[in-house]
N, C-alpha and C. Protein backbone atom coordinates (compact mmCIF):
# COMPACT_ATOMS: atom_id res chain seq x y z
N MET A 1 8.46 -10.95 28.24
CA MET A 1 7.52 -11.42 27.01
C MET A 1 7.87 -10.52 25.80
N SER A 2 7.85 -11.52 25.06
CA SER A 2 8.06 -10.91 23.47
C SER A 2 7.55 -11.18 22.42
N THR A 3 7.31 -10.14 21.00
CA THR A 3 6.41 -10.50 19.90
C THR A 3 7.29 -10.90 18.99
N THR A 4 6.04 -11.99 17.89
CA THR A 4 6.78 -12.18 16.85
C THR A 4 6.24 -11.78 15.52
N PHE A 5 6.92 -11.51 14.53
CA PHE A 5 6.69 -11.16 12.84
C PHE A 5 7.06 -12.81 12.35
N THR A 6 5.64 -13.64 11.92
CA THR A 6 6.07 -14.57 11.00
C THR A 6 5.68 -14.34 9.63
N ILE A 7 6.64 -14.92 8.64
CA ILE A 7 6.46 -14.30 7.03
C ILE A 7 6.58 -15.74 6.53
N ILE A 8 5.26 -15.97 5.77
CA ILE A 8 4.98 -17.09 4.86
C ILE A 8 5.11 -16.43 3.20
N PRO A 9 6.50 -17.28 2.59
CA PRO A 9 6.68 -16.93 0.87
C PRO A 9 5.63 -17.47 0.28
N THR A 10 5.58 -16.73 -0.85
CA THR A 10 5.32 -17.55 -2.07
C THR A 10 6.05 -17.93 -2.73
N LYS A 11 7.43 -17.38 -3.34
CA LYS A 11 8.17 -17.16 -3.55
C LYS A 11 9.60 -17.64 -3.23
N ILE A 12 10.47 -17.99 -3.40
CA ILE A 12 12.38 -18.14 -3.25
C ILE A 12 12.99 -18.12 -4.25
N ASP A 13 13.73 -17.18 -4.60
CA ASP A 13 14.60 -17.37 -5.76
C ASP A 13 15.89 -16.68 -5.52
N ASN A 14 17.07 -16.80 -6.29
CA ASN A 14 18.43 -16.60 -5.99
C ASN A 14 18.57 -15.26 -5.31
N ASP A 15 17.64 -14.10 -5.36
CA ASP A 15 17.91 -12.66 -4.95
C ASP A 15 17.59 -12.68 -3.82
N LEU A 16 17.13 -14.16 -2.83
CA LEU A 16 16.89 -13.67 -1.73
C LEU A 16 18.17 -13.92 -0.57
N THR A 17 19.06 -13.05 -0.51
CA THR A 17 20.19 -13.32 -0.04
C THR A 17 20.16 -12.51 1.48
N PHE A 18 20.94 -12.98 2.33
CA PHE A 18 20.95 -11.84 3.42
C PHE A 18 21.56 -10.67 2.92
N GLN A 19 22.58 -10.26 2.10
CA GLN A 19 22.94 -8.73 1.53
C GLN A 19 21.43 -8.10 1.30
N SER A 20 20.35 -9.01 0.52
CA SER A 20 19.56 -8.06 -0.13
C SER A 20 18.08 -7.80 0.84
N VAL A 21 18.68 -8.57 1.66
CA VAL A 21 17.65 -8.59 2.90
C VAL A 21 17.87 -7.38 3.43
N LEU A 22 18.89 -7.27 3.86
CA LEU A 22 19.81 -5.95 4.83
C LEU A 22 19.71 -4.51 3.97
N SER A 23 20.15 -4.89 2.75
CA SER A 23 19.96 -3.77 2.03
C SER A 23 18.48 -3.05 2.25
N LEU A 24 17.60 -3.99 2.05
CA LEU A 24 16.39 -3.25 1.81
C LEU A 24 15.86 -2.84 3.02
N ALA A 25 16.12 -3.55 3.98
CA ALA A 25 15.59 -3.26 5.29
C ALA A 25 16.17 -1.60 5.90
N ASN A 26 17.37 -1.95 5.20
CA ASN A 26 18.32 -0.47 5.62
C ASN A 26 17.74 0.45 4.84
N GLN A 27 17.01 0.17 3.63
CA GLN A 27 16.74 1.36 3.03
C GLN A 27 15.32 1.58 3.43
N THR A 28 14.54 0.67 3.62
CA THR A 28 13.01 1.30 4.39
C THR A 28 13.27 2.15 5.46
N LEU A 29 14.04 1.21 6.69
CA LEU A 29 14.59 1.88 8.18
C LEU A 29 14.27 3.28 7.63
N LYS A 30 15.58 3.62 6.70
CA LYS A 30 15.86 5.33 6.18
C LYS A 30 15.18 6.29 6.01
N ASN A 31 14.07 5.57 5.12
CA ASN A 31 13.01 6.04 4.78
C ASN A 31 12.32 6.75 5.89
N GLN A 32 11.78 6.00 6.77
CA GLN A 32 11.03 5.90 8.05
C GLN A 32 11.52 6.77 8.96
N LEU A 33 12.77 6.76 8.96
CA LEU A 33 13.55 7.88 9.72
C LEU A 33 13.49 9.19 9.41
N ASP A 34 13.67 9.21 7.95
CA ASP A 34 13.20 10.63 7.00
C ASP A 34 12.00 11.12 7.79
N LYS A 35 11.22 10.44 7.34
CA LYS A 35 9.47 10.45 7.48
C LYS A 35 9.58 11.35 8.88
N LEU A 36 9.57 10.92 9.76
CA LEU A 36 9.82 10.89 11.01
C LEU A 36 10.28 12.15 11.52
N LEU A 37 11.54 12.79 10.53
CA LEU A 37 12.04 13.84 10.70
C LEU A 37 13.07 13.36 11.83
N ILE A 38 13.55 12.39 12.03
CA ILE A 38 14.67 11.28 12.89
C ILE A 38 16.03 11.56 12.32
N ASN A 39 16.92 12.26 12.07
CA ASN A 39 18.36 12.62 11.38
C ASN A 39 19.20 11.28 11.63
N LEU A 40 18.88 10.03 11.64
CA LEU A 40 19.97 8.92 12.07
C LEU A 40 20.35 8.66 11.12
N SER A 41 21.47 7.94 10.91
CA SER A 41 22.39 7.25 9.97
C SER A 41 22.76 5.46 10.73
N VAL A 42 22.15 4.79 10.41
CA VAL A 42 22.27 3.34 11.24
C VAL A 42 22.19 2.65 10.05
N GLY A 43 22.79 1.68 10.62
CA GLY A 43 23.04 -0.05 9.64
C GLY A 43 22.89 -1.37 10.70
N LEU A 44 22.34 -2.34 9.49
CA LEU A 44 22.07 -3.40 10.04
C LEU A 44 23.00 -4.40 10.00
N SER A 45 22.96 -5.28 11.03
CA SER A 45 24.35 -6.36 10.61
C SER A 45 23.67 -7.73 11.11
N VAL A 46 24.29 -8.65 11.03
CA VAL A 46 24.14 -10.37 11.14
C VAL A 46 25.02 -10.88 11.23
N ASN A 47 24.58 -12.06 12.12
CA ASN A 47 25.49 -13.25 12.03
C ASN A 47 24.94 -14.32 12.76
N ILE A 48 25.38 -15.09 12.66
CA ILE A 48 24.21 -16.73 13.09
C ILE A 48 25.05 -17.64 14.10
N HIS A 49 23.93 -17.81 15.01
CA HIS A 49 24.59 -17.91 16.74
C HIS A 49 23.80 -19.73 16.29
N ASP A 50 24.04 -20.70 17.30
CA ASP A 50 24.00 -21.80 17.45
C ASP A 50 23.00 -21.65 18.27
N ASN A 51 21.42 -22.36 18.65
CA ASN A 51 20.72 -21.99 19.55
C ASN A 51 21.12 -22.48 20.82
N LYS A 52 22.21 -22.97 21.29
CA LYS A 52 22.71 -23.59 22.52
C LYS A 52 23.76 -22.50 22.57
N GLU A 53 24.39 -21.49 22.05
CA GLU A 53 25.15 -20.77 21.67
C GLU A 53 26.53 -21.50 21.62
N ALA A 54 26.97 -22.62 20.89
CA ALA A 54 27.99 -23.43 20.90
C ALA A 54 29.00 -22.75 20.13
N TYR A 55 28.26 -22.04 19.33
CA TYR A 55 28.92 -21.28 18.10
C TYR A 55 28.31 -19.89 17.65
N VAL A 56 29.45 -18.91 17.45
CA VAL A 56 28.83 -17.53 16.64
C VAL A 56 29.67 -17.82 15.28
N ASN A 57 28.90 -17.70 14.40
CA ASN A 57 29.50 -17.33 12.89
C ASN A 57 29.30 -16.55 12.39
N ASN A 58 30.39 -15.79 11.54
CA ASN A 58 30.19 -14.45 10.80
C ASN A 58 29.56 -15.25 9.64
N ILE A 59 28.90 -14.82 8.47
CA ILE A 59 28.42 -15.15 7.29
C ILE A 59 28.60 -14.60 5.77
N ASN A 60 29.01 -15.37 5.00
CA ASN A 60 29.14 -14.33 3.91
C ASN A 60 27.62 -13.81 3.31
N LEU A 61 27.60 -12.89 3.02
CA LEU A 61 25.96 -11.96 2.97
C LEU A 61 25.44 -12.31 1.55
N ASN A 62 26.21 -12.86 0.88
CA ASN A 62 25.71 -12.83 -0.46
C ASN A 62 25.53 -14.34 -0.42
N THR A 63 25.25 -15.36 0.03
CA THR A 63 24.33 -16.78 0.45
C THR A 63 23.29 -16.83 0.84
N LYS A 64 22.02 -17.52 0.16
CA LYS A 64 20.93 -17.81 0.45
C LYS A 64 20.23 -17.10 1.94
N PHE A 65 19.23 -16.65 2.20
CA PHE A 65 18.62 -16.49 3.32
C PHE A 65 17.91 -17.48 3.63
N ILE A 66 19.12 -18.56 4.26
CA ILE A 66 18.49 -19.63 4.87
C ILE A 66 19.15 -20.55 5.62
N TRP A 67 19.24 -20.76 6.99
CA TRP A 67 20.04 -21.61 7.49
C TRP A 67 19.25 -22.63 8.22
N ALA A 68 20.01 -23.36 9.69
CA ALA A 68 19.97 -24.47 9.80
C ALA A 68 18.84 -24.26 10.99
N ASP A 69 18.16 -25.61 11.49
CA ASP A 69 16.85 -25.26 12.30
C ASP A 69 17.38 -25.38 13.96
N ASN A 70 18.78 -25.85 13.93
CA ASN A 70 19.56 -25.92 15.26
C ASN A 70 20.06 -24.29 15.41
N GLU A 71 19.79 -23.10 14.75
CA GLU A 71 20.49 -21.74 14.39
C GLU A 71 19.50 -20.88 14.58
N TYR A 72 20.02 -19.14 14.70
CA TYR A 72 19.21 -18.34 14.95
C TYR A 72 19.85 -17.16 14.07
N ALA A 73 19.59 -16.25 13.08
CA ALA A 73 20.19 -15.07 12.98
C ALA A 73 19.68 -14.15 13.81
N TRP A 74 21.06 -13.50 14.12
CA TRP A 74 20.76 -12.45 15.23
C TRP A 74 21.48 -11.28 14.48
N PHE A 75 20.47 -10.33 14.14
CA PHE A 75 20.35 -9.11 13.79
C PHE A 75 20.31 -7.80 14.70
N THR A 76 21.43 -7.34 14.54
CA THR A 76 21.35 -5.71 15.24
C THR A 76 21.91 -4.75 14.78
N VAL A 77 21.79 -3.53 15.46
CA VAL A 77 21.84 -2.32 14.48
C VAL A 77 23.24 -1.29 15.44
N ASP A 78 23.81 -1.25 14.19
CA ASP A 78 25.30 -0.30 15.08
C ASP A 78 24.69 0.88 15.88
N LYS A 79 25.73 1.23 16.95
CA LYS A 79 25.13 2.18 17.86
C LYS A 79 24.35 1.71 18.80
N SER A 80 23.83 0.57 18.89
CA SER A 80 22.51 0.20 19.55
C SER A 80 22.88 -0.95 20.25
N ASN A 81 22.56 -1.24 21.64
CA ASN A 81 22.35 -2.58 22.40
C ASN A 81 21.18 -3.16 21.81
N GLY A 82 21.38 -4.85 22.41
CA GLY A 82 20.69 -5.19 22.09
C GLY A 82 20.51 -5.76 20.45
N GLY A 83 19.19 -6.68 20.40
CA GLY A 83 19.05 -6.81 18.81
C GLY A 83 17.85 -7.76 18.71
N THR A 84 17.66 -8.14 17.84
CA THR A 84 15.99 -9.23 16.72
C THR A 84 16.80 -10.85 16.73
N ASP A 85 15.97 -11.86 16.79
CA ASP A 85 16.39 -12.88 16.79
C ASP A 85 15.54 -13.41 15.65
N ALA A 86 16.14 -14.46 14.68
CA ALA A 86 14.78 -14.56 13.61
C ALA A 86 15.23 -16.11 13.27
N TYR A 87 13.88 -16.97 12.81
CA TYR A 87 14.65 -18.41 12.72
C TYR A 87 13.94 -18.84 11.56
N CYS A 88 14.24 -19.37 10.80
CA CYS A 88 14.25 -20.20 9.27
C CYS A 88 13.77 -21.64 9.57
N GLU A 89 12.43 -21.89 9.62
CA GLU A 89 11.61 -22.87 9.64
C GLU A 89 11.38 -24.16 8.75
N LYS A 90 11.13 -25.17 8.56
CA LYS A 90 10.27 -25.79 7.72
C LYS A 90 8.63 -25.94 7.67
N LEU A 91 8.22 -25.24 6.53
CA LEU A 91 6.90 -25.70 6.62
C LEU A 91 6.27 -26.93 6.98
N SER A 92 7.15 -28.03 6.63
CA SER A 92 6.46 -29.01 6.75
C SER A 92 5.91 -29.67 8.28
N GLU A 93 6.85 -29.08 8.78
CA GLU A 93 6.74 -29.18 10.44
C GLU A 93 5.61 -28.72 11.24
N HIS A 94 4.70 -27.30 10.36
CA HIS A 94 3.84 -27.53 10.92
C HIS A 94 2.62 -28.31 9.78
N LEU A 95 2.80 -28.46 8.65
CA LEU A 95 1.75 -28.93 7.98
C LEU A 95 1.56 -30.60 8.68
N SER A 96 2.53 -31.43 9.16
CA SER A 96 2.42 -32.31 9.57
C SER A 96 1.64 -32.90 10.11
N ASP A 97 0.97 -31.67 11.30
CA ASP A 97 0.13 -32.09 12.42
C ASP A 97 -0.45 -30.65 11.99
N TRP A 98 -1.02 -29.95 11.11
CA TRP A 98 -1.88 -28.90 11.13
C TRP A 98 -2.04 -28.81 9.22
N ASP A 99 -2.87 -29.37 9.23
CA ASP A 99 -2.72 -29.75 7.74
C ASP A 99 -3.52 -28.39 6.78
N THR A 100 -4.02 -27.60 7.48
CA THR A 100 -5.16 -26.41 7.61
C THR A 100 -4.24 -25.28 7.61
N TYR A 101 -3.01 -25.25 8.17
CA TYR A 101 -1.83 -24.28 8.66
C TYR A 101 -1.98 -22.99 7.88
N ILE A 102 -2.11 -23.34 6.40
CA ILE A 102 -1.84 -22.06 5.44
C ILE A 102 -2.80 -21.42 5.64
N GLN A 103 -3.98 -21.93 5.37
CA GLN A 103 -5.34 -21.34 5.42
C GLN A 103 -5.80 -20.76 6.29
N ASP A 104 -5.48 -21.22 7.53
CA ASP A 104 -5.83 -20.69 8.76
C ASP A 104 -5.10 -19.59 9.10
N THR A 105 -3.72 -19.36 9.16
CA THR A 105 -2.86 -18.04 9.10
C THR A 105 -3.25 -17.24 8.29
N LEU A 106 -3.09 -17.49 6.98
CA LEU A 106 -3.35 -16.20 5.98
C LEU A 106 -5.30 -15.59 6.19
N GLY A 107 -5.84 -16.16 6.65
CA GLY A 107 -7.04 -15.89 6.89
C GLY A 107 -7.97 -15.35 6.16
N ASN A 108 -7.99 -13.65 5.73
CA ASN A 108 -8.84 -13.53 4.69
C ASN A 108 -7.85 -13.19 3.57
N VAL A 109 -6.86 -13.99 3.11
CA VAL A 109 -6.57 -13.80 2.20
C VAL A 109 -6.85 -15.30 1.59
N ILE A 110 -7.45 -15.31 0.10
CA ILE A 110 -7.40 -16.46 -0.83
C ILE A 110 -6.94 -17.43 -1.32
N VAL A 111 -6.85 -18.35 -0.53
CA VAL A 111 -5.94 -19.61 -0.33
C VAL A 111 -6.42 -20.36 -1.78
N THR A 112 -5.73 -20.24 -2.63
CA THR A 112 -6.10 -20.91 -4.23
C THR A 112 -5.40 -22.28 -4.09
N PRO A 113 -5.73 -22.96 -4.74
CA PRO A 113 -4.57 -24.16 -5.14
C PRO A 113 -3.76 -24.01 -5.60
N GLN A 114 -3.52 -22.82 -6.29
CA GLN A 114 -2.12 -22.52 -6.90
C GLN A 114 -1.33 -21.74 -5.99
N LEU A 115 -1.61 -21.02 -5.17
CA LEU A 115 -1.54 -20.26 -4.15
C LEU A 115 -0.57 -21.18 -3.09
N LYS A 116 -1.41 -22.28 -2.93
CA LYS A 116 -1.17 -23.06 -1.89
C LYS A 116 0.41 -23.84 -1.94
N GLN A 117 0.32 -24.32 -3.59
CA GLN A 117 1.12 -24.94 -4.00
C GLN A 117 2.64 -24.10 -4.12
N GLN A 118 2.25 -22.79 -3.99
CA GLN A 118 3.56 -22.04 -4.44
C GLN A 118 3.77 -22.23 -3.16
N ILE A 119 3.66 -21.86 -2.23
CA ILE A 119 3.80 -21.94 -0.76
C ILE A 119 4.30 -22.67 -0.20
N THR A 120 3.92 -24.20 -0.20
CA THR A 120 4.44 -25.36 0.32
C THR A 120 5.82 -25.49 -0.63
N GLY A 121 5.74 -24.90 -2.05
CA GLY A 121 6.64 -25.55 -3.22
C GLY A 121 8.27 -24.65 -2.44
N CYS A 122 8.09 -23.18 -1.12
CA CYS A 122 8.93 -22.92 -0.99
C CYS A 122 9.87 -23.42 0.14
N GLU A 123 9.18 -24.38 1.12
CA GLU A 123 9.36 -25.31 1.82
C GLU A 123 9.80 -24.76 3.14
N TYR A 124 10.03 -23.05 3.40
CA TYR A 124 10.34 -22.83 4.37
C TYR A 124 9.56 -21.15 4.66
N GLU A 125 9.51 -21.04 6.01
CA GLU A 125 9.09 -19.60 6.46
C GLU A 125 10.06 -19.59 7.55
N TRP A 126 10.02 -17.99 7.45
CA TRP A 126 10.64 -17.08 9.13
C TRP A 126 9.87 -16.62 9.68
N TYR A 127 10.45 -16.27 11.27
CA TYR A 127 9.81 -15.43 11.60
C TYR A 127 10.77 -14.90 12.74
N PHE A 128 10.74 -13.38 12.93
CA PHE A 128 11.38 -12.40 13.75
C PHE A 128 10.48 -12.57 14.93
N ARG A 129 11.78 -12.18 16.03
CA ARG A 129 10.87 -12.25 17.66
C ARG A 129 11.50 -10.99 18.10
N ARG A 130 11.30 -9.99 18.93
CA ARG A 130 11.78 -8.43 19.39
C ARG A 130 11.17 -9.22 21.05
N SER A 131 12.11 -9.12 22.26
CA SER A 131 11.78 -9.54 23.63
C SER A 131 11.76 -8.34 24.19
N ALA A 132 11.36 -8.59 25.38
CA ALA A 132 10.54 -7.27 25.88
C ALA A 132 11.94 -6.33 26.76
N GLY A 133 12.11 -5.24 26.84
CA GLY A 133 13.29 -4.27 27.15
C GLY A 133 14.26 -4.14 25.73
N GLN A 134 13.69 -4.02 24.74
CA GLN A 134 14.82 -3.57 22.91
C GLN A 134 14.43 -2.27 23.56
N SER A 135 15.40 -1.78 22.83
CA SER A 135 15.65 -0.39 22.51
C SER A 135 14.55 0.11 21.35
N PRO A 136 14.08 1.34 20.93
CA PRO A 136 13.29 1.75 20.56
C PRO A 136 13.51 1.24 18.81
N ILE A 137 15.12 1.30 18.70
CA ILE A 137 15.43 1.19 17.13
C ILE A 137 15.06 -0.04 17.21
N ILE A 138 15.75 -1.25 17.75
CA ILE A 138 15.05 -2.42 17.54
C ILE A 138 13.92 -2.71 17.15
N SER A 139 12.81 -2.28 18.00
CA SER A 139 11.69 -2.53 17.78
C SER A 139 11.03 -1.94 16.28
N LEU A 140 11.79 -0.70 15.88
CA LEU A 140 11.62 -0.33 14.68
C LEU A 140 12.20 -1.26 13.62
N ALA A 141 13.43 -1.51 14.05
CA ALA A 141 14.26 -2.49 12.79
C ALA A 141 13.58 -3.67 12.88
N TYR A 142 13.46 -4.55 13.77
CA TYR A 142 12.43 -5.84 13.62
C TYR A 142 11.15 -5.68 12.58
N GLY A 143 10.56 -4.91 12.49
CA GLY A 143 9.25 -4.97 11.80
C GLY A 143 10.11 -4.27 10.31
N HIS A 144 10.96 -3.63 10.43
CA HIS A 144 11.46 -3.49 8.57
C HIS A 144 12.28 -4.33 8.56
N LEU A 145 13.01 -5.73 8.74
CA LEU A 145 13.33 -6.62 8.37
C LEU A 145 12.46 -7.81 8.23
N SER A 146 11.18 -7.63 9.01
CA SER A 146 10.30 -8.48 8.57
C SER A 146 9.37 -8.37 7.17
N ALA A 147 9.55 -7.08 7.05
CA ALA A 147 9.10 -6.52 5.71
C ALA A 147 10.14 -6.66 4.30
N ALA A 148 11.09 -6.68 4.92
CA ALA A 148 11.98 -6.89 3.80
C ALA A 148 11.98 -8.28 3.29
N VAL A 149 11.83 -8.97 4.01
CA VAL A 149 11.65 -10.86 3.73
C VAL A 149 10.54 -10.76 2.83
N ALA A 150 9.32 -10.30 3.39
CA ALA A 150 7.95 -10.60 3.12
C ALA A 150 8.15 -9.93 1.47
N LYS A 151 8.71 -8.62 0.86
CA LYS A 151 8.95 -8.17 -0.19
C LYS A 151 9.88 -9.07 -0.68
N LEU A 152 10.55 -9.72 -0.23
CA LEU A 152 11.81 -10.14 -1.54
C LEU A 152 10.97 -11.84 -2.21
N THR A 153 9.98 -12.50 -1.21
CA THR A 153 9.43 -13.63 -1.22
C THR A 153 7.90 -13.29 -1.89
N ASP A 154 7.56 -12.25 -1.93
CA ASP A 154 5.89 -11.94 -2.28
C ASP A 154 5.46 -12.69 -1.02
N GLY A 155 5.69 -12.16 -0.15
CA GLY A 155 4.82 -13.45 1.12
C GLY A 155 3.92 -12.54 1.94
N TYR A 156 3.38 -13.08 2.88
CA TYR A 156 2.78 -12.52 3.89
C TYR A 156 3.49 -12.59 5.50
N ILE A 157 3.12 -11.08 6.04
CA ILE A 157 3.53 -11.07 7.39
C ILE A 157 2.26 -11.47 8.31
N TYR A 158 2.19 -12.10 9.42
CA TYR A 158 1.32 -12.05 10.33
C TYR A 158 1.67 -12.34 12.20
N THR A 159 0.92 -11.99 12.69
CA THR A 159 1.32 -12.34 14.30
C THR A 159 0.35 -12.44 15.17
N TYR A 160 0.37 -13.55 15.92
CA TYR A 160 -0.51 -14.01 16.69
C TYR A 160 -0.38 -13.35 18.17
N ASP A 161 0.47 -12.61 18.14
CA ASP A 161 1.00 -12.27 19.75
C ASP A 161 0.97 -10.75 20.06
N GLY A 162 0.16 -10.09 19.25
CA GLY A 162 0.34 -8.49 19.28
C GLY A 162 1.61 -7.63 18.89
N ALA A 163 2.30 -7.99 17.99
CA ALA A 163 3.72 -7.72 17.60
C ALA A 163 3.37 -5.88 16.72
N TRP A 164 1.94 -6.20 16.16
CA TRP A 164 1.25 -4.73 15.64
C TRP A 164 -0.28 -4.65 15.60
N HIS A 165 -0.68 -3.88 15.00
CA HIS A 165 -2.51 -3.76 15.61
C HIS A 165 -2.81 -5.18 14.51
N ASP A 166 -3.50 -5.83 15.43
CA ASP A 166 -3.75 -7.33 14.59
C ASP A 166 -4.79 -7.25 13.21
N ASN A 167 -5.40 -6.07 13.20
CA ASN A 167 -6.42 -5.51 12.04
C ASN A 167 -5.74 -5.87 10.81
N ILE A 168 -4.59 -5.65 10.77
CA ILE A 168 -3.66 -5.32 9.17
C ILE A 168 -3.59 -7.20 9.08
N PHE A 169 -3.39 -7.81 9.85
CA PHE A 169 -3.25 -8.98 9.15
C PHE A 169 -4.16 -9.96 8.99
N PRO A 170 -3.21 -10.78 7.94
CA PRO A 170 -1.83 -11.17 7.79
C PRO A 170 -1.87 -9.96 6.17
N ALA A 171 -0.42 -9.49 6.72
CA ALA A 171 -0.29 -8.18 5.87
C ALA A 171 0.70 -8.45 4.60
N THR A 172 0.94 -7.82 3.44
CA THR A 172 1.98 -7.70 3.03
C THR A 172 2.98 -6.96 3.40
N ALA A 173 3.90 -6.84 2.77
CA ALA A 173 5.14 -5.69 3.12
C ALA A 173 4.68 -4.24 3.12
N ASP A 174 4.02 -4.04 2.24
CA ASP A 174 3.76 -2.70 2.13
C ASP A 174 2.75 -1.76 3.03
N GLN A 175 1.95 -3.24 3.25
CA GLN A 175 0.72 -2.77 4.02
C GLN A 175 1.22 -2.66 5.43
N LEU A 176 2.09 -3.32 5.79
CA LEU A 176 2.64 -3.50 7.04
C LEU A 176 3.44 -2.05 7.59
N LEU A 177 4.29 -1.66 6.42
CA LEU A 177 5.18 -0.42 6.66
C LEU A 177 4.32 1.07 6.07
N GLU A 178 2.88 0.63 5.89
CA GLU A 178 2.29 1.72 5.86
C GLU A 178 1.62 2.44 7.44
N VAL A 179 1.92 1.37 7.98
CA VAL A 179 1.34 1.84 9.38
C VAL A 179 2.21 1.60 10.66
N TYR A 180 3.17 0.83 10.18
CA TYR A 180 4.11 0.81 11.51
C TYR A 180 4.79 1.80 12.03
N PHE A 181 4.84 1.62 13.30
CA PHE A 181 5.14 3.12 13.98
C PHE A 181 5.13 4.38 13.39
N TYR A 182 3.96 4.42 12.71
CA TYR A 182 3.43 6.06 12.73
C TYR A 182 2.34 6.13 13.61
N PRO A 183 2.35 6.85 14.73
CA PRO A 183 1.38 7.20 15.82
C PRO A 183 -0.18 7.77 14.97
N ASP A 184 -0.29 8.34 13.89
CA ASP A 184 -1.27 8.64 13.21
C ASP A 184 -2.06 7.64 12.47
N LYS A 185 -1.16 6.64 12.51
CA LYS A 185 -2.03 5.73 11.81
C LYS A 185 -2.38 4.09 13.12
N ALA A 186 -2.21 4.78 14.23
CA ALA A 186 -2.52 3.64 15.45
C ALA A 186 -4.08 3.64 15.88
N ASN A 187 -4.59 2.13 16.32
CA ASN A 187 -6.03 1.97 16.02
C ASN A 187 -6.44 2.30 17.27
N ASN A 188 -5.66 2.69 18.30
CA ASN A 188 -6.36 3.02 19.95
C ASN A 188 -5.06 3.83 20.49
N ASP A 189 -5.45 4.50 21.49
CA ASP A 189 -4.75 5.06 22.29
C ASP A 189 -3.79 5.01 22.74
N GLU A 190 -3.97 3.47 23.40
CA GLU A 190 -2.64 2.69 23.91
C GLU A 190 -1.66 2.70 22.93
N ASP A 191 -1.81 2.45 21.84
CA ASP A 191 -1.10 2.15 20.48
C ASP A 191 -0.09 3.50 20.10
N TYR A 192 -1.45 4.09 20.21
CA TYR A 192 -0.64 5.72 19.83
C TYR A 192 0.55 6.24 21.07
N ASP A 193 0.06 6.14 22.31
CA ASP A 193 1.11 6.31 23.16
C ASP A 193 2.49 5.64 22.86
N TRP A 194 2.06 4.27 22.78
CA TRP A 194 3.53 3.77 22.44
C TRP A 194 4.38 3.91 21.73
N ALA A 195 3.52 3.82 20.56
CA ALA A 195 4.62 4.26 19.15
C ALA A 195 4.96 5.73 19.41
N THR A 196 4.45 6.66 19.64
CA THR A 196 5.22 7.80 20.65
C THR A 196 6.21 8.28 21.52
N ARG A 197 6.20 7.37 22.32
CA ARG A 197 7.12 7.00 23.31
C ARG A 197 8.51 6.15 22.85
N CYS A 198 8.29 5.46 21.80
CA CYS A 198 9.48 4.60 21.10
C CYS A 198 9.81 5.64 20.21
N ILE A 199 9.20 6.50 18.98
CA ILE A 199 9.77 7.66 18.24
C ILE A 199 10.33 8.77 19.19
N GLU A 200 10.25 8.92 20.44
CA GLU A 200 10.59 9.83 21.17
C GLU A 200 12.17 9.15 22.01
N GLY A 201 12.36 7.91 22.18
CA GLY A 201 13.30 7.42 22.49
C GLY A 201 14.03 6.86 22.09
N LEU A 202 13.58 7.10 20.56
CA LEU A 202 14.97 7.07 19.16
C LEU A 202 15.67 8.03 19.16
N LYS A 203 15.15 9.38 19.60
CA LYS A 203 16.09 10.23 19.29
C LYS A 203 17.27 10.52 21.03
N THR A 204 16.35 9.95 21.88
CA THR A 204 17.32 10.36 23.32
C THR A 204 18.36 8.97 23.34
N GLU A 205 17.79 7.75 22.57
CA GLU A 205 18.90 7.09 22.44
C GLU A 205 20.07 6.66 22.44
N PHE A 206 20.37 7.74 21.17
CA PHE A 206 21.65 8.13 20.06
C PHE A 206 21.65 9.07 20.53
N ASP A 207 21.31 10.08 21.08
CA ASP A 207 21.46 11.59 21.91
C ASP A 207 22.96 11.03 23.07
N SER A 208 22.97 9.74 23.67
CA SER A 208 23.68 9.49 24.72
C SER A 208 24.60 8.68 23.99
N ARG A 209 25.00 8.36 22.89
CA ARG A 209 26.17 7.70 22.66
C ARG A 209 26.96 8.53 21.83
């Protein structure tokens, strides 16, 4: 089983680069580890894979955060196994057969004609996927990567498969980071237990390396 965060942007400008996404995600990830009293120094890295693994390319981090639809971006955390894969898709692919996709996805956000025009003008959306069995740090990092993209694009994050508490979505970057992996912000016992186990796992994961 896997879970996903999708980001619908309202702007894409020249500040949206691989470097800016990594830098912001590293910063917010460090901030959360500090708040959780976990003394870890970790860094995020990325490369581009062909969907059929015909090639793996290193990238210039100063390039725009967009890649081809036959590729995925593979994000890893140093000193940790595994990673999270991200996909860049054209919004038109959804809108061609689901003309209310934006309104339906954004739910309680009031989609004015101006907002819809801003979103469609961006042309792209992204989603990050966390597959089952990933380490606690990857589970944490993929939320921060999603939030970084949303922050840099003034975008909205949503999940349809339970990546986090459904009652907060669609969410801004700040709204997700306010509750993501904080046990005291869990909305039920199951989520509280899972978040607590992952945080404890963070400590043991790196103690063994």
